[in-house]
Amino acid sequence: MSVAQKDGIDQRSFVDQISYDDLYRRWEEGNWKATEFDFSKDREGWASLSDVQRKSALWTYSMFFYGEDSVTDNLSPFIDAAPLEEQKYFLATQQVDEARHAVFFHRFFKEVIGAGDTIGSTLAYTEAQLGWGYRNVFDRLDRMGEELRKDRSLPKFAQAIALYHMIVEAALAQPGQHFIEDYFNKAGTMPGFSAGMHNVSRDEQRHIGFGVKVLADCFRQSEECKAAVVEVLREVLPWSMSVFVPPGWDLEYTRCYGFELEDIYAFGMRSVETKWKAAGYPIDQMPPDVFPFDTSRPHLERAKRAIALLRAGVVGEPVETPDASPETQAMLFDVIARSAHTDAVNGRPVTIQWRFTDAAPWYVRIDNGASEAVQGEAPHPSLTLETSWRDWLEVSTYGGDPRRAMLRRRLRPRGSLRMLWRLQRIFPG
């Protein structure tokens, strides 16, 4: 019995009920024109916003505009790699959609904000608004397009769909659209923009539905597709966590529009979980290091913990002096313990000790299929890692090379060499 059936609802049934032909038909029925919106009242609405509201809107809309342009440029190899003609046709419609969205945002920037005459100059205007996480995600999307040109295999196609449709659209774009639409629909101050965003959101929902269906089909055909998806999730999720971090951690960027940063993170988490479940690969069936948060906690609580780790500088964009308080260490080591592949220890109890030069020691005990993080010194650790707090983050969450750290004596393992070799299987992410 599937997880979905245990819940009493077959979450995948809608994937089987909707065909690629139906998705194409919905595109024809929902066609709209980006050139026909009247932004005259929107200029008044823009002028009526507070300074922080305009800064926040410029930051948010820049990410949308840049993203729409990037995807327009990058979807061609997706079309070439799609194994079914019906998938190719739908992806062709999606490329048209993304270009239309880019034209819509360009018009808004030009006619309402007064930024740029050509699409190129408007894009250049937005670049200063793009943060570390956003740039990394879309740089990866650029590289994915190049990879698809060389490798049109089904696993690579599934990986590309996961990156764009599930991460960029479902986890990032959809939450942003939700809160933008909600505010301006209620305020009624920018009717042209609100009408356009309604259409953009409807298009994106159709795109996400396509992505879920494609992945469901891929997973049914090949387990290799799941492995390929896990690979890209491990790579991109640390970046995507940072996309919604406002410049300078100014929380007024969200509060000025009536919601907290935690709200948008929680919305994104719910969205992602629903989509992966519908695709037939629920997050609780993925390797434990992919989504290493306690799924028994409410989404809002999980969101608060994720944001706390980001603010502490222990995940997300690297910082010079990350927080090493007991509270931050406890949250991070909870994530580390949940990330452990307990089957990699071959049924033997294992204890890994972290001894920091500038922070409290911690250890993770793995035994009988369970893992636990404990503050302090273990009596007989299987392996001890001596390092500074910042150097450990460099190799664990910042993406640094642990072998280089060992060569430079920034990471000093003590104990079983066999356990050191096995460590990469226990924590493969």
Protein backbone atom coordinates (compact mmCIF):
# COMPACT_ATOMS: atom_id res chain seq x y z
CA MET A 1 0.00 0.00 0.00
CA SER A 2 1.39 3.41 -0.97
CA VAL A 3 1.86 6.28 1.43
CA ALA A 4 -0.86 8.16 -0.39
CA GLN A 5 -3.31 5.29 0.03
CA LYS A 6 -2.51 5.09 3.73
CA ASP A 7 -3.63 8.70 4.02
CA GLY A 8 -6.96 7.72 2.50
CA ILE A 9 -6.39 9.73 -0.67
CA ASP A 10 -4.56 8.59 -3.76
CA GLN A 11 -2.50 11.73 -4.35
CA ARG A 12 -1.21 10.34 -7.64
CA SER A 13 -4.66 9.79 -9.14
CA PHE A 14 -4.81 13.28 -10.63
CA VAL A 15 -1.49 12.62 -12.39
CA ASP A 16 -3.06 9.65 -14.15
CA GLN A 17 -6.27 11.51 -14.90
CA ILE A 18 -4.59 14.47 -16.61
CA SER A 19 -3.04 13.77 -19.99
CA TYR A 20 -0.43 15.76 -21.87
CA ASP A 21 -3.13 16.49 -24.45
CA ASP A 22 -5.30 17.95 -21.70
CA LEU A 23 -2.45 20.17 -20.50
CA TYR A 24 -1.94 21.41 -24.05
CA ARG A 25 -5.67 22.12 -24.39
CA ARG A 26 -5.60 24.15 -21.19
CA TRP A 27 -2.77 26.20 -22.65
CA GLU A 28 -4.83 27.05 -25.73
CA GLU A 29 -7.85 27.94 -23.61
CA GLY A 30 -5.80 30.13 -21.28
CA ASN A 31 -3.86 32.16 -23.82
CA TRP A 32 -3.48 35.86 -22.99
CA LYS A 33 -1.57 38.90 -24.24
CA ALA A 34 1.15 40.58 -22.21
CA THR A 35 0.93 43.68 -24.42
CA GLU A 36 -2.69 44.55 -23.60
CA PHE A 37 -2.56 45.38 -19.89
CA ASP A 38 -3.23 48.98 -18.90
CA PHE A 39 -0.67 50.12 -16.32
CA SER A 40 -1.89 53.72 -16.01
CA LYS A 41 -3.45 53.18 -12.57
CA ASP A 42 -0.51 51.04 -11.53
CA ARG A 43 1.80 54.04 -11.76
CA GLU A 44 -0.34 55.76 -9.14
CA GLY A 45 -0.36 52.59 -7.05
CA TRP A 46 3.42 52.32 -7.24
CA ALA A 47 3.82 55.93 -6.14
CA SER A 48 1.52 55.30 -3.17
CA LEU A 49 3.71 52.50 -1.79
CA SER A 50 6.07 53.21 1.08
CA ASP A 51 9.83 53.25 0.48
CA VAL A 52 10.29 49.79 1.96
CA GLN A 53 7.36 48.44 -0.05
CA ARG A 54 8.94 49.70 -3.26
CA LYS A 55 12.32 48.24 -2.28
CA SER A 56 10.71 44.91 -1.48
CA ALA A 57 8.67 44.90 -4.68
CA LEU A 58 11.72 45.76 -6.79
CA TRP A 59 13.67 42.91 -5.17
CA THR A 60 10.85 40.40 -5.65
CA TYR A 61 9.85 41.41 -9.18
CA SER A 62 13.49 41.44 -10.28
CA MET A 63 13.76 37.77 -9.36
CA PHE A 64 10.61 36.97 -11.32
CA PHE A 65 11.68 38.95 -14.39
CA TYR A 66 15.21 37.57 -14.46
CA GLY A 67 13.89 34.04 -13.91
CA GLU A 68 11.33 34.25 -16.71
CA ASP A 69 14.01 35.44 -19.12
CA SER A 70 16.45 32.73 -18.01
CA VAL A 71 13.95 29.95 -18.53
CA THR A 72 12.93 31.30 -21.92
CA ASP A 73 16.57 31.01 -22.95
CA ASN A 74 17.09 27.56 -21.41
CA LEU A 75 14.00 25.51 -22.30
CA SER A 76 15.04 24.49 -25.83
CA PRO A 77 17.24 21.58 -24.67
CA PHE A 78 14.36 20.39 -22.46
CA ILE A 79 12.25 20.11 -25.61
CA ASP A 80 14.97 18.18 -27.42
CA ALA A 81 15.44 15.76 -24.50
CA ALA A 82 11.74 15.02 -23.89
CA PRO A 83 11.08 11.38 -24.88
CA LEU A 84 7.45 11.89 -25.99
CA GLU A 85 6.18 14.16 -28.72
CA GLU A 86 3.34 15.28 -26.44
CA GLN A 87 5.90 16.38 -23.87
CA LYS A 88 7.86 18.27 -26.51
CA TYR A 89 4.73 20.12 -27.63
CA PHE A 90 3.81 21.12 -24.10
CA LEU A 91 7.34 22.31 -23.35
CA ALA A 92 7.17 24.41 -26.52
CA THR A 93 4.04 26.09 -25.15
CA GLN A 94 5.81 26.64 -21.86
CA GLN A 95 8.68 28.40 -23.59
CA VAL A 96 6.12 30.73 -25.16
CA ASP A 97 4.59 31.29 -21.71
CA GLU A 98 7.94 32.20 -20.17
CA ALA A 99 8.68 34.69 -22.94
CA ARG A 100 5.24 36.23 -22.45
CA HIS A 101 5.86 36.49 -18.70
CA ALA A 102 9.19 38.21 -19.36
CA VAL A 103 7.49 40.71 -21.67
CA PHE A 104 4.87 41.38 -19.00
CA PHE A 105 7.49 42.07 -16.33
CA HIS A 106 9.55 44.18 -18.73
CA ARG A 107 6.52 46.33 -19.46
CA PHE A 108 5.87 46.76 -15.74
CA PHE A 109 9.48 47.74 -15.05
CA LYS A 110 9.56 50.14 -17.98
CA GLU A 111 6.11 51.74 -17.72
CA VAL A 112 5.52 51.71 -13.96
CA ILE A 113 8.93 51.68 -12.27
CA GLY A 114 10.69 53.56 -15.06
CA ALA A 115 13.58 51.13 -15.42
CA GLY A 116 15.07 50.39 -18.84
CA ASP A 117 13.85 50.78 -22.41
CA THR A 118 14.81 47.42 -23.88
CA ILE A 119 14.47 43.99 -22.31
CA GLY A 120 18.26 43.80 -22.08
CA SER A 121 18.60 47.12 -20.28
CA THR A 122 15.79 46.23 -17.89
CA LEU A 123 17.43 42.91 -17.08
CA ALA A 124 20.68 44.73 -16.38
CA TYR A 125 18.76 47.02 -14.01
CA THR A 126 17.51 44.02 -12.01
CA GLU A 127 20.84 42.24 -11.55
CA ALA A 128 21.82 44.16 -8.42
CA GLN A 129 18.73 42.72 -6.72
CA LEU A 130 19.70 39.07 -7.19
CA GLY A 131 21.08 37.39 -4.10
CA TRP A 132 23.57 34.57 -3.52
CA GLY A 133 21.05 31.75 -3.38
CA TYR A 134 19.13 32.96 -6.42
CA ARG A 135 22.25 33.33 -8.56
CA ASN A 136 23.45 29.85 -7.68
CA VAL A 137 20.10 28.24 -8.51
CA PHE A 138 19.85 29.93 -11.90
CA ASP A 139 23.51 29.36 -12.72
CA ARG A 140 22.75 25.68 -12.15
CA LEU A 141 19.76 25.94 -14.46
CA ASP A 142 22.05 27.38 -17.14
CA ARG A 143 24.46 24.47 -16.72
CA MET A 144 21.59 21.99 -16.76
CA GLY A 145 20.60 23.23 -20.20
CA GLU A 146 24.13 22.61 -21.45
CA GLU A 147 24.17 19.15 -19.88
CA LEU A 148 20.88 18.25 -21.58
CA ARG A 149 22.35 19.12 -24.95
CA LYS A 150 25.00 16.43 -24.40
CA ASP A 151 22.95 13.90 -22.44
CA ARG A 152 19.31 13.31 -23.40
CA SER A 153 18.88 10.22 -21.24
CA LEU A 154 15.73 9.76 -19.18
CA PRO A 155 17.52 10.24 -15.81
CA LYS A 156 19.08 13.51 -16.99
CA PHE A 157 15.69 14.68 -18.29
CA ALA A 158 14.09 13.82 -14.93
CA GLN A 159 16.85 15.73 -13.17
CA ALA A 160 16.23 18.79 -15.33
CA ILE A 161 12.47 18.67 -14.75
CA ALA A 162 13.04 18.37 -11.00
CA LEU A 163 15.31 21.41 -11.02
CA TYR A 164 13.02 23.63 -13.02
CA HIS A 165 9.46 22.50 -12.38
CA MET A 166 9.80 21.33 -8.78
CA ILE A 167 12.44 23.67 -7.36
CA VAL A 168 12.29 26.87 -9.40
CA GLU A 169 8.54 26.87 -10.03
CA ALA A 170 6.95 24.90 -7.16
CA ALA A 171 9.33 25.74 -4.32
CA LEU A 172 10.35 29.29 -5.28
CA ALA A 173 8.02 30.96 -7.79
CA GLN A 174 4.67 29.67 -6.55
CA PRO A 175 5.07 30.85 -2.92
CA GLY A 176 6.19 34.28 -4.13
CA GLN A 177 3.24 34.55 -6.50
CA HIS A 178 0.82 33.57 -3.76
CA PHE A 179 1.78 36.38 -1.40
CA ILE A 180 2.17 39.01 -4.14
CA GLU A 181 -1.26 38.25 -5.58
CA ASP A 182 -2.90 38.18 -2.18
CA TYR A 183 -1.71 41.64 -1.17
CA PHE A 184 -2.46 43.53 -4.37
CA ASN A 185 -5.78 41.78 -4.94
CA LYS A 186 -6.89 43.06 -1.54
CA ALA A 187 -5.36 46.52 -1.96
CA GLY A 188 -6.62 47.03 -5.51
CA THR A 189 -3.94 49.65 -6.13
CA MET A 190 -2.23 48.01 -9.12
CA PRO A 191 -4.99 46.43 -11.21
CA GLY A 192 -2.89 45.87 -14.33
CA PHE A 193 -0.17 44.11 -12.42
CA SER A 194 -2.68 42.04 -10.44
CA ALA A 195 -4.43 40.87 -13.60
CA GLY A 196 -1.13 39.93 -15.19
CA MET A 197 0.09 38.07 -12.11
CA HIS A 198 -3.16 36.12 -12.05
CA ASN A 199 -2.39 34.87 -15.55
CA VAL A 200 1.26 34.19 -14.74
CA SER A 201 0.22 32.17 -11.69
CA ARG A 202 -2.29 30.15 -13.71
CA ASP A 203 0.39 29.35 -16.28
CA GLU A 204 2.86 28.30 -13.60
CA GLN A 205 0.32 25.97 -12.01
CA ARG A 206 -0.09 24.26 -15.37
CA HIS A 207 3.70 24.00 -15.76
CA ILE A 208 4.06 22.47 -12.30
CA GLY A 209 1.31 19.97 -13.09
CA PHE A 210 3.24 18.97 -16.19
CA GLY A 211 6.44 18.56 -14.18
CA VAL A 212 4.72 16.38 -11.60
CA LYS A 213 3.26 14.18 -14.33
CA VAL A 214 6.57 13.85 -16.18
CA LEU A 215 8.40 12.86 -13.01
CA ALA A 216 5.70 10.34 -12.11
CA ASP A 217 6.15 8.76 -15.54
CA CYS A 218 9.94 8.81 -15.22
CA PHE A 219 9.91 7.20 -11.78
CA ARG A 220 7.67 4.41 -13.03
CA GLN A 221 10.08 3.67 -15.85
CA SER A 222 13.41 3.81 -14.04
CA GLU A 223 14.78 3.88 -10.51
CA GLU A 224 17.78 5.69 -11.97
CA CYS A 225 15.56 8.72 -12.35
CA LYS A 226 15.08 8.88 -8.59
CA ALA A 227 18.84 8.73 -8.03
CA ALA A 228 19.38 11.52 -10.57
CA VAL A 229 16.75 13.68 -8.88
CA VAL A 230 18.29 13.13 -5.46
CA GLU A 231 21.66 14.21 -6.86
CA VAL A 232 20.36 17.57 -8.05
CA LEU A 233 18.30 18.13 -4.89
CA ARG A 234 21.40 17.67 -2.75
CA GLU A 235 23.20 20.20 -4.87
CA VAL A 236 20.53 22.88 -5.17
CA LEU A 237 18.48 22.84 -1.96
CA PRO A 238 21.20 24.59 0.11
CA TRP A 239 21.03 27.46 -2.39
CA SER A 240 17.25 27.52 -2.73
CA MET A 241 16.89 27.90 1.05
CA SER A 242 18.52 31.32 0.76
CA VAL A 243 16.49 32.71 -2.13
CA PHE A 244 13.85 34.36 0.07
CA VAL A 245 16.36 35.91 2.49
CA PRO A 246 15.76 39.67 2.09
CA PRO A 247 18.67 42.08 1.59
CA GLY A 248 20.38 42.76 4.89
CA TRP A 249 17.91 40.44 6.61
CA ASP A 250 15.43 43.34 6.64
CA LEU A 251 12.24 41.59 7.76
CA GLU A 252 10.20 44.66 6.81
CA TYR A 253 10.52 43.41 3.22
CA THR A 254 7.79 40.88 4.01
CA ARG A 255 6.03 42.55 6.93
CA CYS A 256 5.22 45.61 4.86
CA TYR A 257 3.05 43.33 2.71
CA GLY A 258 1.31 41.65 5.63
CA PHE A 259 3.20 38.40 6.11
CA GLU A 260 6.26 37.08 7.91
CA LEU A 261 9.27 35.43 6.33
CA GLU A 262 8.28 32.20 8.09
CA ASP A 263 4.95 32.23 6.24
CA ILE A 264 6.53 32.07 2.80
CA TYR A 265 8.95 29.33 3.87
CA ALA A 266 6.13 27.28 5.37
CA PHE A 267 4.02 27.73 2.24
CA GLY A 268 6.94 26.54 0.11
CA MET A 269 7.49 23.49 2.30
CA ARG A 270 3.84 22.47 2.04
CA SER A 271 3.89 23.01 -1.72
CA VAL A 272 7.01 20.91 -2.20
CA GLU A 273 5.79 18.03 -0.05
CA THR A 274 2.48 17.86 -1.91
CA LYS A 275 4.13 17.86 -5.34
CA TRP A 276 6.69 15.19 -4.54
CA LYS A 277 4.01 12.99 -3.05
CA ALA A 278 1.88 13.38 -6.17
CA ALA A 279 4.90 12.52 -8.33
CA GLY A 280 5.25 9.22 -6.50
CA TYR A 281 8.41 10.05 -4.55
CA PRO A 282 7.36 11.45 -1.15
CA ILE A 283 10.11 13.23 0.75
CA ASP A 284 9.98 10.66 3.55
CA GLN A 285 11.00 8.02 1.00
CA MET A 286 14.01 10.02 -0.17
CA PRO A 287 17.45 9.56 1.41
CA PRO A 288 17.43 11.16 4.86
CA ASP A 289 19.93 13.89 4.00
CA VAL A 290 17.74 15.44 1.27
CA PHE A 291 15.09 16.96 3.58
CA PRO A 292 16.64 16.45 7.05
CA PHE A 293 13.97 18.19 9.10
CA ASP A 294 11.54 16.68 11.56
CA THR A 295 8.43 16.20 9.42
CA SER A 296 6.31 15.59 12.52
CA ARG A 297 6.67 19.28 13.39
CA PRO A 298 4.22 21.81 11.89
CA HIS A 299 5.44 23.48 8.72
CA LEU A 300 5.63 26.87 10.41
CA GLU A 301 7.89 25.50 13.14
CA ARG A 302 10.12 23.84 10.55
CA ALA A 303 10.26 27.12 8.67
CA LYS A 304 11.34 28.99 11.80
CA ARG A 305 14.15 26.51 12.42
CA ALA A 306 15.37 26.75 8.83
CA ILE A 307 15.39 30.55 9.01
CA ALA A 308 17.21 30.44 12.36
CA LEU A 309 19.96 28.32 10.79
CA LEU A 310 20.19 30.73 7.86
CA ARG A 311 20.41 33.76 10.14
CA ALA A 312 23.09 32.03 12.21
CA GLY A 313 25.17 31.64 9.06
CA VAL A 314 25.58 27.88 9.44
CA VAL A 315 23.64 27.10 6.25
CA GLY A 316 23.14 29.18 3.14
CA GLU A 317 25.56 31.90 2.10
CA PRO A 318 28.96 31.40 3.79
CA VAL A 319 29.91 33.97 6.43
CA GLU A 320 33.20 34.64 8.19
CA THR A 321 31.92 34.32 11.76
CA PRO A 322 28.97 31.92 11.93
CA ASP A 323 27.11 31.69 15.21
CA ALA A 324 28.25 28.86 17.49
CA SER A 325 25.78 29.33 20.34
CA PRO A 326 24.40 26.23 22.09
CA GLU A 327 21.02 26.82 20.44
CA THR A 328 22.50 26.98 16.95
CA GLN A 329 24.70 23.95 17.53
CA ALA A 330 21.73 21.96 18.80
CA MET A 331 19.66 22.77 15.71
CA LEU A 332 22.48 21.97 13.30
CA PHE A 333 23.43 18.69 14.97
CA ASP A 334 19.78 17.66 14.94
CA VAL A 335 19.95 18.12 11.16
CA ILE A 336 23.24 16.20 10.99
CA ALA A 337 21.81 13.29 12.97
CA ARG A 338 18.69 13.19 10.80
CA SER A 339 20.91 13.21 7.69
CA ALA A 340 22.73 10.04 8.69
CA HIS A 341 22.27 6.96 6.51
CA THR A 342 21.94 4.53 9.37
CA ASP A 343 22.08 1.50 7.05
CA ALA A 344 25.66 2.42 6.12
CA VAL A 345 27.05 1.24 9.48
CA ASN A 346 26.16 -2.42 8.74
CA GLY A 347 24.26 -2.90 11.98
CA ARG A 348 27.17 -1.96 14.23
CA PRO A 349 26.91 0.88 16.74
CA VAL A 350 28.93 3.90 15.62
CA THR A 351 29.77 7.10 17.47
CA ILE A 352 31.25 10.10 15.67
CA GLN A 353 32.72 12.82 17.86
CA TRP A 354 33.19 16.46 16.84
CA ARG A 355 35.77 18.32 18.92
CA PHE A 356 35.84 22.02 18.07
CA THR A 357 38.63 24.42 18.96
CA ASP A 358 36.18 27.28 19.47
CA ALA A 359 32.81 25.68 20.28
CA ALA A 360 31.29 23.00 22.46
CA PRO A 361 31.88 19.35 21.47
CA TRP A 362 29.10 17.19 20.05
CA TYR A 363 28.75 13.60 18.97
CA VAL A 364 26.29 11.57 16.91
CA ARG A 365 25.47 8.02 17.94
CA ILE A 366 24.10 5.63 15.31
CA ASP A 367 22.69 2.33 16.53
CA ASN A 368 19.92 -0.07 15.56
CA GLY A 369 18.69 2.04 12.65
CA ALA A 370 18.43 5.25 14.67
CA SER A 371 20.65 8.29 15.14
CA GLU A 372 20.98 10.76 18.00
CA ALA A 373 22.95 13.98 18.50
CA VAL A 374 24.34 14.68 21.97
CA GLN A 375 26.28 17.64 23.32
CA GLY A 376 29.51 16.65 25.05
CA GLU A 377 32.30 14.07 24.84
CA ALA A 378 31.53 10.45 23.99
CA PRO A 379 33.39 7.85 26.12
CA HIS A 380 34.64 5.70 23.23
CA PRO A 381 34.04 7.35 19.84
CA SER A 382 34.58 5.35 16.66
CA LEU A 383 35.94 8.48 14.97
CA THR A 384 36.84 11.95 16.21
CA LEU A 385 36.93 15.02 13.98
CA GLU A 386 39.00 17.90 15.33
CA THR A 387 38.42 21.26 13.68
CA SER A 388 37.14 24.78 14.21
CA TRP A 389 33.45 25.58 13.94
CA ARG A 390 33.95 27.64 10.77
CA ASP A 391 36.17 25.01 9.15
CA TRP A 392 33.60 22.31 9.84
CA LEU A 393 30.86 24.38 8.23
CA GLU A 394 33.14 24.93 5.23
CA VAL A 395 33.21 21.21 4.46
CA SER A 396 29.74 20.26 5.68
CA THR A 397 27.31 22.99 4.63
CA TYR A 398 29.31 25.50 2.57
CA GLY A 399 30.33 22.97 -0.07
CA GLY A 400 34.08 22.83 0.63
CA ASP A 401 36.30 19.83 -0.11
CA PRO A 402 36.98 17.77 3.06
CA ARG A 403 40.07 16.19 1.49
CA ARG A 404 41.60 19.60 0.97
CA ALA A 405 40.70 20.54 4.53
CA MET A 406 42.51 17.45 5.82
CA LEU A 407 45.58 18.18 3.70
CA ARG A 408 45.66 21.70 5.14
CA ARG A 409 45.15 20.33 8.67
CA ARG A 410 41.91 22.26 8.99
CA LEU A 411 40.12 18.96 9.59
CA ARG A 412 41.99 16.38 11.66
CA PRO A 413 40.42 12.92 11.94
CA ARG A 414 41.39 10.64 14.83
CA GLY A 415 40.52 6.98 15.18
CA SER A 416 39.51 4.29 12.70
CA LEU A 417 40.60 4.91 9.11
CA ARG A 418 37.92 2.47 8.01
CA MET A 419 35.31 4.61 9.75
CA LEU A 420 36.73 7.72 8.10
CA TRP A 421 36.26 6.05 4.71
CA ARG A 422 32.74 4.96 5.69
CA LEU A 423 31.84 8.49 6.77
CA GLN A 424 31.14 9.48 3.17
CA ARG A 425 28.55 6.69 2.99
CA ILE A 426 26.94 7.71 6.27
CA PHE A 427 26.76 11.36 5.20
CA PRO A 428 26.80 11.24 1.36
CA GLY A 429 25.29 14.69 0.92
